[in-house]
C-alpha atoms as a PDB file:
ATOM      1  CA  UNK A   1       0.000   0.000   0.000  1.00  0.00           C
ATOM      2  CA  UNK A   2       1.612   3.256  -1.093  1.00  0.00           C
ATOM      3  CA  UNK A   3       0.277   5.642   1.512  1.00  0.00           C
ATOM      4  CA  UNK A   4       3.369   7.172   3.032  1.00  0.00           C
ATOM      5  CA  UNK A   5       3.212   7.998   6.710  1.00  0.00           C
ATOM      6  CA  UNK A   6       5.962   9.488   8.877  1.00  0.00           C
ATOM      7  CA  UNK A   7       5.398   6.538  11.173  1.00  0.00           C
ATOM      8  CA  UNK A   8       4.053   3.011  10.971  1.00  0.00           C
ATOM      9  CA  UNK A   9       0.332   3.713  11.360  1.00  0.00           C
ATOM     10  CA  UNK A  10      -1.447   6.182   9.096  1.00  0.00           C
ATOM     11  CA  UNK A  11      -3.716   8.183  11.397  1.00  0.00           C
ATOM     12  CA  UNK A  12      -6.670   9.835   9.693  1.00  0.00           C
ATOM     13  CA  UNK A  13      -8.517  12.489  11.667  1.00  0.00           C
ATOM     14  CA  UNK A  14     -12.028  12.202  10.256  1.00  0.00           C
ATOM     15  CA  UNK A  15     -13.454  15.714  10.235  1.00  0.00           C
ATOM     16  CA  UNK A  16     -16.206  14.364   7.993  1.00  0.00           C
ATOM     17  CA  UNK A  17     -19.216  16.664   8.123  1.00  0.00           C
ATOM     18  CA  UNK A  18     -18.431  18.047  11.568  1.00  0.00           C
ATOM     19  CA  UNK A  19     -17.798  21.435   9.959  1.00  0.00           C
ATOM     20  CA  UNK A  20     -21.599  21.922   9.845  1.00  0.00           C
ATOM     21  CA  UNK A  21     -21.233  23.658   6.503  1.00  0.00           C
ATOM     22  CA  UNK A  22     -18.968  26.378   7.904  1.00  0.00           C
ATOM     23  CA  UNK A  23     -15.617  26.984   6.187  1.00  0.00           C
ATOM     24  CA  UNK A  24     -14.231  28.575   9.336  1.00  0.00           C
ATOM     25  CA  UNK A  25     -15.234  25.603  11.448  1.00  0.00           C
ATOM     26  CA  UNK A  26     -13.680  23.308   8.844  1.00  0.00           C
ATOM     27  CA  UNK A  27     -10.424  25.259   9.033  1.00  0.00           C
ATOM     28  CA  UNK A  28     -10.457  24.961  12.815  1.00  0.00           C
ATOM     29  CA  UNK A  29     -10.803  21.201  12.457  1.00  0.00           C
ATOM     30  CA  UNK A  30      -7.736  21.194  10.204  1.00  0.00           C
ATOM     31  CA  UNK A  31      -5.759  23.218  12.714  1.00  0.00           C
ATOM     32  CA  UNK A  32      -6.712  20.965  15.591  1.00  0.00           C
ATOM     33  CA  UNK A  33      -5.970  17.747  13.702  1.00  0.00           C
ATOM     34  CA  UNK A  34      -2.517  19.086  12.814  1.00  0.00           C
ATOM     35  CA  UNK A  35      -1.941  20.115  16.422  1.00  0.00           C
ATOM     36  CA  UNK A  36      -2.917  16.611  17.568  1.00  0.00           C
ATOM     37  CA  UNK A  37      -0.307  15.056  15.274  1.00  0.00           C
ATOM     38  CA  UNK A  38      -2.590  13.248  12.823  1.00  0.00           C
ATOM     39  CA  UNK A  39      -1.161  12.407   9.396  1.00  0.00           C
ATOM     40  CA  UNK A  40      -4.289  13.278   7.425  1.00  0.00           C
ATOM     41  CA  UNK A  41      -7.460  15.264   8.000  1.00  0.00           C
ATOM     42  CA  UNK A  42     -10.341  13.920   5.942  1.00  0.00           C
ATOM     43  CA  UNK A  43     -13.639  15.459   4.927  1.00  0.00           C
ATOM     44  CA  UNK A  44     -16.591  14.173   2.852  1.00  0.00           C
ATOM     45  CA  UNK A  45     -17.377  15.202  -0.704  1.00  0.00           C
ATOM     46  CA  UNK A  46     -20.908  14.783  -2.066  1.00  0.00           C
ATOM     47  CA  UNK A  47     -24.022  16.498  -3.315  1.00  0.00           C
ATOM     48  CA  UNK A  48     -27.286  15.726  -1.606  1.00  0.00           C
ATOM     49  CA  UNK A  49     -29.096  15.213  -4.900  1.00  0.00           C
ATOM     50  CA  UNK A  50     -26.614  12.509  -5.918  1.00  0.00           C
ATOM     51  CA  UNK A  51     -26.539  10.824  -2.530  1.00  0.00           C
ATOM     52  CA  UNK A  52     -30.113  10.402  -1.292  1.00  0.00           C
ATOM     53  CA  UNK A  53     -33.693  10.460  -2.463  1.00  0.00           C
ATOM     54  CA  UNK A  54     -36.046  13.052  -1.056  1.00  0.00           C
ATOM     55  CA  UNK A  55     -37.839  10.327   0.898  1.00  0.00           C
ATOM     56  CA  UNK A  56     -34.749   8.674   2.404  1.00  0.00           C
ATOM     57  CA  UNK A  57     -34.936   8.292   6.190  1.00  0.00           C
ATOM     58  CA  UNK A  58     -32.314   9.368   8.672  1.00  0.00           C
ATOM     59  CA  UNK A  59     -30.319   6.861  10.687  1.00  0.00           C
ATOM     60  CA  UNK A  60     -31.530   6.387  14.252  1.00  0.00           C
ATOM     61  CA  UNK A  61     -28.513   8.166  15.720  1.00  0.00           C
ATOM     62  CA  UNK A  62     -29.116  11.130  13.383  1.00  0.00           C
ATOM     63  CA  UNK A  63     -32.660  11.567  14.685  1.00  0.00           C
ATOM     64  CA  UNK A  64     -31.263  12.288  18.131  1.00  0.00           C
ATOM     65  CA  UNK A  65     -28.658  14.819  17.018  1.00  0.00           C
ATOM     66  CA  UNK A  66     -30.368  16.841  14.266  1.00  0.00           C
ATOM     67  CA  UNK A  67     -33.627  18.681  13.701  1.00  0.00           C
ATOM     68  CA  UNK A  68     -36.654  16.419  13.605  1.00  0.00           C
ATOM     69  CA  UNK A  69     -38.263  18.711  11.030  1.00  0.00           C
ATOM     70  CA  UNK A  70     -35.773  18.038   8.233  1.00  0.00           C
ATOM     71  CA  UNK A  71     -35.311  15.060   5.938  1.00  0.00           C
ATOM     72  CA  UNK A  72     -31.995  13.296   5.391  1.00  0.00           C
ATOM     73  CA  UNK A  73     -31.668  15.125   2.071  1.00  0.00           C
ATOM     74  CA  UNK A  74     -32.185  18.484   3.787  1.00  0.00           C
ATOM     75  CA  UNK A  75     -29.736  17.595   6.546  1.00  0.00           C
ATOM     76  CA  UNK A  76     -27.065  16.489   4.076  1.00  0.00           C
ATOM     77  CA  UNK A  77     -27.641  19.470   1.809  1.00  0.00           C
ATOM     78  CA  UNK A  78     -26.444  21.781   4.584  1.00  0.00           C
ATOM     79  CA  UNK A  79     -23.196  19.845   4.838  1.00  0.00           C
ATOM     80  CA  UNK A  80     -22.017  20.008   1.224  1.00  0.00           C
ATOM     81  CA  UNK A  81     -18.593  21.465   0.483  1.00  0.00           C
ATOM     82  CA  UNK A  82     -18.334  23.542  -2.678  1.00  0.00           C
ATOM     83  CA  UNK A  83     -15.333  23.387  -5.009  1.00  0.00           C
ATOM     84  CA  UNK A  84     -14.185  26.724  -3.637  1.00  0.00           C
ATOM     85  CA  UNK A  85     -14.405  25.411  -0.092  1.00  0.00           C
ATOM     86  CA  UNK A  86     -12.340  22.376  -1.053  1.00  0.00           C
ATOM     87  CA  UNK A  87      -9.637  24.641  -2.445  1.00  0.00           C
ATOM     88  CA  UNK A  88      -9.581  26.725   0.715  1.00  0.00           C
ATOM     89  CA  UNK A  89      -9.304  23.629   2.875  1.00  0.00           C
ATOM     90  CA  UNK A  90      -6.453  22.234   0.794  1.00  0.00           C
ATOM     91  CA  UNK A  91      -4.603  25.532   1.232  1.00  0.00           C
ATOM     92  CA  UNK A  92      -5.263  25.437   4.965  1.00  0.00           C
ATOM     93  CA  UNK A  93      -3.812  21.922   5.148  1.00  0.00           C
ATOM     94  CA  UNK A  94      -0.685  23.082   3.347  1.00  0.00           C
ATOM     95  CA  UNK A  95      -0.409  25.976   5.797  1.00  0.00           C
ATOM     96  CA  UNK A  96      -0.539  23.643   8.797  1.00  0.00           C
ATOM     97  CA  UNK A  97       1.528  20.848   7.224  1.00  0.00           C
ATOM     98  CA  UNK A  98      -1.127  18.154   7.315  1.00  0.00           C
ATOM     99  CA  UNK A  99      -2.361  16.130   4.360  1.00  0.00           C
ATOM    100  CA  UNK A 100      -5.853  16.736   2.977  1.00  0.00           C
ATOM    101  CA  UNK A 101      -8.198  13.944   1.968  1.00  0.00           C
ATOM    102  CA  UNK A 102     -11.898  13.483   1.411  1.00  0.00           C
ATOM    103  CA  UNK A 103     -14.311  10.634   0.803  1.00  0.00           C
ATOM    104  CA  UNK A 104     -16.159  10.934  -2.473  1.00  0.00           C
ATOM    105  CA  UNK A 105     -19.665   9.478  -2.182  1.00  0.00           C
ATOM    106  CA  UNK A 106     -20.519   9.482  -5.882  1.00  0.00           C
ATOM    107  CA  UNK A 107     -18.716   9.299  -9.214  1.00  0.00           C
ATOM    108  CA  UNK A 108     -18.728  13.052  -9.835  1.00  0.00           C
ATOM    109  CA  UNK A 109     -17.302  13.665  -6.370  1.00  0.00           C
ATOM    110  CA  UNK A 110     -14.551  11.118  -7.013  1.00  0.00           C
ATOM    111  CA  UNK A 111     -13.699  12.920 -10.243  1.00  0.00           C
ATOM    112  CA  UNK A 112     -13.563  16.249  -8.411  1.00  0.00           C
ATOM    113  CA  UNK A 113     -11.145  14.845  -5.855  1.00  0.00           C
ATOM    114  CA  UNK A 114      -8.948  13.520  -8.652  1.00  0.00           C
ATOM    115  CA  UNK A 115      -8.887  17.001 -10.201  1.00  0.00           C
ATOM    116  CA  UNK A 116      -7.926  18.458  -6.831  1.00  0.00           C
ATOM    117  CA  UNK A 117      -4.918  16.144  -6.587  1.00  0.00           C
ATOM    118  CA  UNK A 118      -6.136  13.332  -4.331  1.00  0.00           C
ATOM    119  CA  UNK A 119      -3.323  10.947  -3.376  1.00  0.00           C
ATOM    120  CA  UNK A 120      -5.713   8.114  -2.542  1.00  0.00           C
ATOM    121  CA  UNK A 121      -9.453   7.461  -2.670  1.00  0.00           C
ATOM    122  CA  UNK A 122     -11.603   6.374   0.251  1.00  0.00           C
ATOM    123  CA  UNK A 123     -14.615   4.139  -0.337  1.00  0.00           C
ATOM    124  CA  UNK A 124     -17.172   4.514   2.474  1.00  0.00           C
ATOM    125  CA  UNK A 125     -19.024   1.574   3.981  1.00  0.00           C
ATOM    126  CA  UNK A 126     -22.300   2.474   2.307  1.00  0.00           C
ATOM    127  CA  UNK A 127     -20.822   2.118  -1.180  1.00  0.00           C
ATOM    128  CA  UNK A 128     -19.345  -1.373  -0.772  1.00  0.00           C
ATOM    129  CA  UNK A 129     -22.260  -2.839  -2.757  1.00  0.00           C
ATOM    130  CA  UNK A 130     -22.368  -0.010  -5.325  1.00  0.00           C
ATOM    131  CA  UNK A 131     -20.993  -1.800  -8.386  1.00  0.00           C
ATOM    132  CA  UNK A 132     -20.858   1.191 -10.814  1.00  0.00           C
ATOM    133  CA  UNK A 133     -19.204   3.335  -8.138  1.00  0.00           C
ATOM    134  CA  UNK A 134     -16.652   0.644  -7.278  1.00  0.00           C
ATOM    135  CA  UNK A 135     -15.718   0.230 -10.927  1.00  0.00           C
ATOM    136  CA  UNK A 136     -15.421   3.984 -11.449  1.00  0.00           C
ATOM    137  CA  UNK A 137     -13.320   4.535  -8.340  1.00  0.00           C
ATOM    138  CA  UNK A 138     -10.965   1.643  -8.962  1.00  0.00           C
ATOM    139  CA  UNK A 139     -10.301   2.772 -12.555  1.00  0.00           C
ATOM    140  CA  UNK A 140      -8.539   5.942 -11.380  1.00  0.00           C
ATOM    141  CA  UNK A 141      -5.169   4.357 -10.672  1.00  0.00           C
ATOM    142  CA  UNK A 142      -4.890   5.551  -7.081  1.00  0.00           C
ATOM    143  CA  UNK A 143      -4.447   3.557  -3.879  1.00  0.00           C
ATOM    144  CA  UNK A 144      -7.768   2.748  -2.256  1.00  0.00           C
ATOM    145  CA  UNK A 145      -8.995   2.540   1.318  1.00  0.00           C
ATOM    146  CA  UNK A 146     -12.330   0.780   1.713  1.00  0.00           C
ATOM    147  CA  UNK A 147     -14.458   0.694   4.861  1.00  0.00           C
ATOM    148  CA  UNK A 148     -16.464  -2.460   5.468  1.00  0.00           C
ATOM    149  CA  UNK A 149     -19.143  -1.466   7.971  1.00  0.00           C
ATOM    150  CA  UNK A 150     -22.365  -3.505   7.661  1.00  0.00           C
ATOM    151  CA  UNK A 151     -20.633  -5.934   5.263  1.00  0.00           C
ATOM    152  CA  UNK A 152     -20.332  -9.696   5.421  1.00  0.00           C
ATOM    153  CA  UNK A 153     -17.070 -11.416   4.534  1.00  0.00           C
ATOM    154  CA  UNK A 154     -18.582 -12.428   1.192  1.00  0.00           C
ATOM    155  CA  UNK A 155     -19.573  -8.842   0.397  1.00  0.00           C
ATOM    156  CA  UNK A 156     -16.009  -7.712   1.113  1.00  0.00           C
ATOM    157  CA  UNK A 157     -14.730 -10.473  -1.169  1.00  0.00           C
ATOM    158  CA  UNK A 158     -17.125  -9.391  -3.926  1.00  0.00           C
ATOM    159  CA  UNK A 159     -16.054  -5.746  -3.616  1.00  0.00           C
ATOM    160  CA  UNK A 160     -12.363  -6.646  -3.747  1.00  0.00           C
ATOM    161  CA  UNK A 161     -12.960  -8.719  -6.880  1.00  0.00           C
ATOM    162  CA  UNK A 162     -14.597  -5.713  -8.547  1.00  0.00           C
ATOM    163  CA  UNK A 163     -11.817  -3.357  -7.501  1.00  0.00           C
ATOM    164  CA  UNK A 164      -9.109  -5.682  -8.775  1.00  0.00           C
ATOM    165  CA  UNK A 165     -10.830  -6.438 -12.044  1.00  0.00           C
ATOM    166  CA  UNK A 166     -11.405  -2.719 -12.619  1.00  0.00           C
ATOM    167  CA  UNK A 167      -7.781  -1.695 -12.278  1.00  0.00           C
ATOM    168  CA  UNK A 168      -6.567  -1.614  -8.671  1.00  0.00           C
ATOM    169  CA  UNK A 169      -4.140  -4.364  -7.612  1.00  0.00           C
ATOM    170  CA  UNK A 170      -4.715  -5.868  -4.190  1.00  0.00           C
ATOM    171  CA  UNK A 171      -1.453  -4.491  -2.800  1.00  0.00           C
ATOM    172  CA  UNK A 172      -2.857  -1.005  -3.391  1.00  0.00           C
ATOM    173  CA  UNK A 173      -5.987  -1.640  -1.314  1.00  0.00           C
ATOM    174  CA  UNK A 174      -6.328  -1.254   2.448  1.00  0.00           C
ATOM    175  CA  UNK A 175      -9.433  -2.785   4.003  1.00  0.00           C
ATOM    176  CA  UNK A 176     -10.772  -1.104   7.124  1.00  0.00           C
ATOM    177  CA  UNK A 177     -12.827  -3.038   9.615  1.00  0.00           C
ATOM    178  CA  UNK A 178     -15.703  -0.817  10.705  1.00  0.00           C
ATOM    179  CA  UNK A 179     -19.027  -0.750  12.498  1.00  0.00           C
ATOM    180  CA  UNK A 180     -21.400   1.991  11.374  1.00  0.00           C
ATOM    181  CA  UNK A 181     -23.408   2.391  14.562  1.00  0.00           C
ATOM    182  CA  UNK A 182     -22.706   5.799  16.143  1.00  0.00           C
ATOM    183  CA  UNK A 183     -21.471   5.204  18.785  1.00  0.00           C
ATOM    184  CA  UNK A 184     -20.578   1.549  18.391  1.00  0.00           C
ATOM    185  CA  UNK A 185     -21.320  -0.652  21.444  1.00  0.00           C
ATOM    186  CA  UNK A 186     -18.165  -2.382  22.665  1.00  0.00           C
ATOM    187  CA  UNK A 187     -19.737  -5.793  22.261  1.00  0.00           C
ATOM    188  CA  UNK A 188     -20.258  -5.073  18.558  1.00  0.00           C
ATOM    189  CA  UNK A 189     -16.703  -3.929  17.735  1.00  0.00           C
ATOM    190  CA  UNK A 190     -15.361  -7.406  16.875  1.00  0.00           C
ATOM    191  CA  UNK A 191     -11.750  -6.377  16.264  1.00  0.00           C
ATOM    192  CA  UNK A 192     -10.859  -9.955  15.442  1.00  0.00           C
ATOM    193  CA  UNK A 193     -12.795  -9.511  12.197  1.00  0.00           C
ATOM    194  CA  UNK A 194      -9.971  -7.219  11.064  1.00  0.00           C
ATOM    195  CA  UNK A 195      -7.546 -10.095  11.460  1.00  0.00           C
ATOM    196  CA  UNK A 196      -9.946 -12.467   9.731  1.00  0.00           C
ATOM    197  CA  UNK A 197     -10.029 -10.209   6.662  1.00  0.00           C
ATOM    198  CA  UNK A 198      -6.248  -9.885   6.666  1.00  0.00           C
ATOM    199  CA  UNK A 199      -5.892 -13.662   6.654  1.00  0.00           C
ATOM    200  CA  UNK A 200      -8.682 -14.296   4.159  1.00  0.00           C
ATOM    201  CA  UNK A 201      -7.789 -11.646   1.589  1.00  0.00           C
ATOM    202  CA  UNK A 202      -4.053 -11.102   2.187  1.00  0.00           C
ATOM    203  CA  UNK A 203      -4.473  -7.325   2.247  1.00  0.00           C
ATOM    204  CA  UNK A 204      -3.328  -4.488   4.439  1.00  0.00           C
ATOM    205  CA  UNK A 205      -5.958  -3.838   7.074  1.00  0.00           C
ATOM    206  CA  UNK A 206      -6.946  -0.999   9.348  1.00  0.00           C
ATOM    207  CA  UNK A 207      -9.795   0.165  11.508  1.00  0.00           C
ATOM    208  CA  UNK A 208     -12.361   2.947  11.212  1.00  0.00           C
ATOM    209  CA  UNK A 209     -13.642   3.590  14.713  1.00  0.00           C
ATOM    210  CA  UNK A 210     -17.004   4.860  15.926  1.00  0.00           C
ATOM    211  CA  UNK A 211     -16.749   3.855  19.586  1.00  0.00           C
ATOM    212  CA  UNK A 212     -16.602   6.366  22.382  1.00  0.00           C
ATOM    213  CA  UNK A 213     -13.084   6.863  23.696  1.00  0.00           C
ATOM    214  CA  UNK A 214      -9.695   5.904  22.322  1.00  0.00           C
ATOM    215  CA  UNK A 215      -8.921   2.424  23.628  1.00  0.00           C
ATOM    216  CA  UNK A 216     -10.277   0.436  20.676  1.00  0.00           C
ATOM    217  CA  UNK A 217      -8.201   2.118  17.936  1.00  0.00           C
ATOM    218  CA  UNK A 218      -5.146   1.769  20.173  1.00  0.00           C
ATOM    219  CA  UNK A 219      -5.866  -1.948  20.504  1.00  0.00           C
ATOM    220  CA  UNK A 220      -6.325  -2.189  16.734  1.00  0.00           C
ATOM    221  CA  UNK A 221      -2.815  -0.824  16.210  1.00  0.00           C
ATOM    222  CA  UNK A 222      -1.416  -3.431  18.589  1.00  0.00           C
ATOM    223  CA  UNK A 223      -3.219  -6.057  16.495  1.00  0.00           C
ATOM    224  CA  UNK A 224      -1.659  -4.870  13.251  1.00  0.00           C
ATOM    225  CA  UNK A 225      -3.825  -2.059  11.860  1.00  0.00           C
ATOM    226  CA  UNK A 226      -1.869   0.019   9.336  1.00  0.00           C
ATOM    227  CA  UNK A 227      -4.529   2.740   9.107  1.00  0.00           C
ATOM    228  CA  UNK A 228      -6.667   4.244  11.863  1.00  0.00           C
ATOM    229  CA  UNK A 229      -9.589   6.540  11.070  1.00  0.00           C
ATOM    230  CA  UNK A 230     -11.377   8.350  13.887  1.00  0.00           C
ATOM    231  CA  UNK A 231     -14.073  11.049  13.866  1.00  0.00           C
ATOM    232  CA  UNK A 232     -13.316  14.197  15.759  1.00  0.00           C
ATOM    233  CA  UNK A 233     -15.059  17.469  16.514  1.00  0.00           C
ATOM    234  CA  UNK A 234     -14.373  20.705  18.322  1.00  0.00           C
ATOM    235  CA  UNK A 235     -17.270  20.039  20.696  1.00  0.00           C
ATOM    236  CA  UNK A 236     -19.421  16.904  21.052  1.00  0.00           C
ATOM    237  CA  UNK A 237     -22.360  19.038  22.157  1.00  0.00           C
ATOM    238  CA  UNK A 238     -22.607  20.796  18.780  1.00  0.00           C
ATOM    239  CA  UNK A 239     -25.658  20.048  16.615  1.00  0.00           C
ATOM    240  CA  UNK A 240     -25.025  17.726  13.701  1.00  0.00           C
ATOM    241  CA  UNK A 241     -25.187  14.012  12.868  1.00  0.00           C
ATOM    242  CA  UNK A 242     -21.658  12.899  13.869  1.00  0.00           C
ATOM    243  CA  UNK A 243     -20.507  15.178  16.685  1.00  0.00           C
ATOM    244  CA  UNK A 244     -21.767  13.042  19.581  1.00  0.00           C
ATOM    245  CA  UNK A 245     -19.673  10.014  18.540  1.00  0.00           C
ATOM    246  CA  UNK A 246     -16.497  12.014  17.858  1.00  0.00           C
ATOM    247  CA  UNK A 247     -13.386  12.814  19.844  1.00  0.00           C
ATOM    248  CA  UNK A 248     -12.687  16.329  21.030  1.00  0.00           C
ATOM    249  CA  UNK A 249      -9.246  17.846  20.282  1.00  0.00           C
ATOM    250  CA  UNK A 250      -7.514  16.843  23.517  1.00  0.00           C
ATOM    251  CA  UNK A 251      -8.774  13.276  23.106  1.00  0.00           C
ATOM    252  CA  UNK A 252      -7.572  13.134  19.509  1.00  0.00           C
ATOM    253  CA  UNK A 253      -4.153  14.312  20.659  1.00  0.00           C
ATOM    254  CA  UNK A 254      -4.090  11.624  23.346  1.00  0.00           C
ATOM    255  CA  UNK A 255      -5.106   8.941  20.836  1.00  0.00           C
ATOM    256  CA  UNK A 256      -2.305   9.914  18.475  1.00  0.00           C
ATOM    257  CA  UNK A 257       0.213   9.941  21.320  1.00  0.00           C
ATOM    258  CA  UNK A 258      -0.967   6.553  22.550  1.00  0.00           C
ATOM    259  CA  UNK A 259      -0.759   5.003  19.081  1.00  0.00           C
ATOM    260  CA  UNK A 260       2.765   6.303  18.609  1.00  0.00           C
ATOM    261  CA  UNK A 261       3.708   4.816  21.987  1.00  0.00           C
ATOM    262  CA  UNK A 262       2.187   1.474  21.014  1.00  0.00           C
ATOM    263  CA  UNK A 263       4.208   1.501  17.784  1.00  0.00           C
ATOM    264  CA  UNK A 264       7.393   1.923  19.816  1.00  0.00           C
ATOM    265  CA  UNK A 265       6.294  -0.733  22.288  1.00  0.00           C
ATOM    266  CA  UNK A 266       5.665  -3.341  19.586  1.00  0.00           C
ATOM    267  CA  UNK A 267       9.408  -3.542  18.855  1.00  0.00           C
ATOM    268  CA  UNK A 268      11.140  -5.887  16.425  1.00  0.00           C
ATOM    269  CA  UNK A 269       9.881  -9.147  17.917  1.00  0.00           C
ATOM    270  CA  UNK A 270      13.358 -10.392  18.877  1.00  0.00           C
ATOM    271  CA  UNK A 271      13.422 -11.547  22.516  1.00  0.00           C
ATOM    272  CA  UNK A 272      16.595 -10.190  24.082  1.00  0.00           C
ATOM    273  CA  UNK A 273      17.572  -7.885  26.942  1.00  0.00           C
ATOM    274  CA  UNK A 274      16.788  -4.300  26.009  1.00  0.00           C
ATOM    275  CA  UNK A 275      19.415  -1.597  26.173  1.00  0.00           C
ATOM    276  CA  UNK A 276      17.660   0.042  29.123  1.00  0.00           C
ATOM    277  CA  UNK A 277      17.411  -3.131  31.239  1.00  0.00           C
ATOM    278  CA  UNK A 278      20.868  -4.614  30.757  1.00  0.00           C
ATOM    279  CA  UNK A 279      22.088  -2.683  33.780  1.00  0.00           C
ATOM    280  CA  UNK A 280      19.553  -4.564  35.930  1.00  0.00           C
ATOM    281  CA  UNK A 281      20.893  -8.034  35.172  1.00  0.00           C
ATOM    282  CA  UNK A 282      23.548  -8.040  37.902  1.00  0.00           C
ATOM    283  CA  UNK A 283      21.133  -6.466  40.380  1.00  0.00           C
ATOM    284  CA  UNK A 284      18.073  -8.689  39.846  1.00  0.00           C
ATOM    285  CA  UNK A 285      19.666 -12.030  39.020  1.00  0.00           C
ATOM    286  CA  UNK A 286      21.552 -14.291  41.407  1.00  0.00           C
ATOM    287  CA  UNK A 287      24.870 -16.098  41.635  1.00  0.00           C
ATOM    288  CA  UNK A 288      26.181 -19.160  43.448  1.00  0.00           C
ATOM    289  CA  UNK A 289      27.609 -18.101  46.831  1.00  0.00           C
ATOM    290  CA  UNK A 290      28.975 -19.775  49.936  1.00  0.00           C
ATOM    291  CA  UNK A 291      26.294 -20.459  52.516  1.00  0.00           C
ATOM    292  CA  UNK A 292      28.926 -21.118  55.175  1.00  0.00           C
ATOM    293  CA  UNK A 293      32.692 -21.067  55.578  1.00  0.00           C
ATOM    294  CA  UNK A 294      34.392 -23.206  52.924  1.00  0.00           C
ATOM    295  CA  UNK A 295      38.064 -24.143  53.107  1.00  0.00           C
ATOM    296  CA  UNK A 296      40.368 -24.589  50.119  1.00  0.00           C
ATOM    297  CA  UNK A 297      40.090 -28.185  48.965  1.00  0.00           C
ATOM    298  CA  UNK A 298      36.590 -28.722  50.391  1.00  0.00           C
ATOM    299  CA  UNK A 299      34.009 -30.173  48.027  1.00  0.00           C
ATOM    300  CA  UNK A 300      31.099 -27.961  47.035  1.00  0.00           C
ATOM    301  CA  UNK A 301      27.792 -29.425  48.225  1.00  0.00           C
ATOM    302  CA  UNK A 302      24.166 -28.383  48.345  1.00  0.00           C
ATOM    303  CA  UNK A 303      24.710 -27.721  52.027  1.00  0.00           C
ATOM    304  CA  UNK A 304      27.596 -25.260  51.704  1.00  0.00           C
ATOM    305  CA  UNK A 305      26.343 -23.418  48.648  1.00  0.00           C
ATOM    306  CA  UNK A 306      23.409 -21.030  48.182  1.00  0.00           C
ATOM    307  CA  UNK A 307      21.939 -18.793  45.523  1.00  0.00           C
ATOM    308  CA  UNK A 308      21.754 -15.059  46.218  1.00  0.00           C
ATOM    309  CA  UNK A 309      22.025 -11.685  44.549  1.00  0.00           C
ATOM    310  CA  UNK A 310      23.964 -10.095  42.892  1.00  0.00           C
ATOM    311  CA  UNK A 311      24.175 -11.796  39.524  1.00  0.00           C
ATOM    312  CA  UNK A 312      27.805 -10.949  38.813  1.00  0.00           C
ATOM    313  CA  UNK A 313      29.165 -14.392  39.679  1.00  0.00           C
ATOM    314  CA  UNK A 314      28.561 -17.933  38.464  1.00  0.00           C
ATOM    315  CA  UNK A 315      25.010 -18.451  37.230  1.00  0.00           C
ATOM    316  CA  UNK A 316      22.751 -20.743  39.283  1.00  0.00           C
ATOM    317  CA  UNK A 317      22.143 -22.569  36.009  1.00  0.00           C
ATOM    318  CA  UNK A 318      25.616 -24.084  36.658  1.00  0.00           C
ATOM    319  CA  UNK A 319      24.515 -25.487  40.042  1.00  0.00           C
ATOM    320  CA  UNK A 320      24.707 -29.155  39.014  1.00  0.00           C
ATOM    321  CA  UNK A 321      28.168 -28.657  37.530  1.00  0.00           C
ATOM    322  CA  UNK A 322      29.420 -26.992  40.704  1.00  0.00           C
ATOM    323  CA  UNK A 323      28.322 -29.747  43.089  1.00  0.00           C
ATOM    324  CA  UNK A 324      31.255 -32.069  43.770  1.00  0.00           C
ATOM    325  CA  UNK A 325      33.994 -29.724  42.603  1.00  0.00           C
ATOM    326  CA  UNK A 326      36.828 -28.694  44.948  1.00  0.00           C
ATOM    327  CA  UNK A 327      37.184 -25.164  46.275  1.00  0.00           C
ATOM    328  CA  UNK A 328      40.289 -23.473  44.871  1.00  0.00           C
ATOM    329  CA  UNK A 329      40.458 -21.044  47.814  1.00  0.00           C
ATOM    330  CA  UNK A 330      38.820 -20.224  51.115  1.00  0.00           C
ATOM    331  CA  UNK A 331      35.337 -18.714  51.036  1.00  0.00           C
ATOM    332  CA  UNK A 332      33.495 -16.837  53.773  1.00  0.00           C
ATOM    333  CA  UNK A 333      29.696 -16.947  53.988  1.00  0.00           C
ATOM    334  CA  UNK A 334      28.084 -14.916  51.147  1.00  0.00           C
ATOM    335  CA  UNK A 335      31.282 -14.844  49.072  1.00  0.00           C
ATOM    336  CA  UNK A 336      30.675 -15.285  45.369  1.00  0.00           C
ATOM    337  CA  UNK A 337      32.005 -18.673  44.327  1.00  0.00           C
ATOM    338  CA  UNK A 338      34.771 -18.617  41.744  1.00  0.00           C
ATOM    339  CA  UNK A 339      36.654 -21.527  40.245  1.00  0.00           C
END
C-alpha cells in the first residue's frame, strides 16, 4: 500500500461533516488535527441530490442529534462542500503541514477529488455494494482505502474482486474493519474480524472507529492495523449528525500519542535484553555463593552453597556442575564462588 506515513500507522482524523457547513469551522478542524499530530485530516465530498432520495430516512442516531423537522436530504444538503471550499481547505492543510483527503460518495465527487490532486481514494461503507461506483473509483489508478461497515465477509470479497478487475491491484488496497453504529457498542466492535479479513484476503488492514473513547483504535494498532480513522469534533455538544460520537481535540491528541507509543512498544519481535534493562541483570539475578565457611580443597555441596544476589558471579544454572567440585580457595559466607 503506497500511503506514506511518517510513522508506521497512518492516522486519519475524520473531520467528515463536523464542519456543519462552515468553512471557518472546517479550518479549525484542520488546525486541531494538525496540532494533535494526525497524518491526514479527511472530509466528505458529495451532493445531496446525488446521494439520497427526497424520501430517504435518517439513521436512528441522526434523529437524536439533528432537527426532527428536516429530511436526510435536507440535513445532508447543509453539509455540502463547494469546489471553492475544497480549495480553501487544501490551502489550509498546506499551511498547517497536514495532508488533505476526502471521501467521495458518488462518481462526480470522485472525479472532483482527482482534479484536486487526491493521493488516494476512500470508499465509504455504504458504497461497498455499489458496483458502478466501485468500478469507477478503482479505474482511477490511485491507492484505495475501503471501509467495510455492515458488510459480510462475502460482500467484502465481492467488492475486492470488482476493484481488482477494474484496475486496482490488491497491494494497493487497504481494508478497514468498521461498524457503522454511532457510537458503536463495545460488544459489537469485533476487532478480530480485522484479522480475519487480513488472513482471508491477504491485504493491508486498518480500523475505522465509531466507539466512544480511544482504547479500541489503540488496541487495533497493537493487532496490526496500518490505518486508523477516527471522527473528531471541536465540541461533542454541537448540533449535527456525527458530533456526539467524535473525539474532542484533547482526546484526539491523546489517541495519536498513545498510538505512537504502542508503535514503539511493539518492537522488532526479537526476545533479548533491552538496552535500558541490561544494567539490571547483575542487580536482579543471582549467583552461586557460599552459605557457610568453605576451606580450600573442600568439596562444594548443596549444604555449603546457596543462591543469592547479585548476579555478577557464576550463574545458578551451573549449580549441578558446581556440586562435587573442589574449592580453589577459602570462602566466607556470602562470598561469590569462583573456580
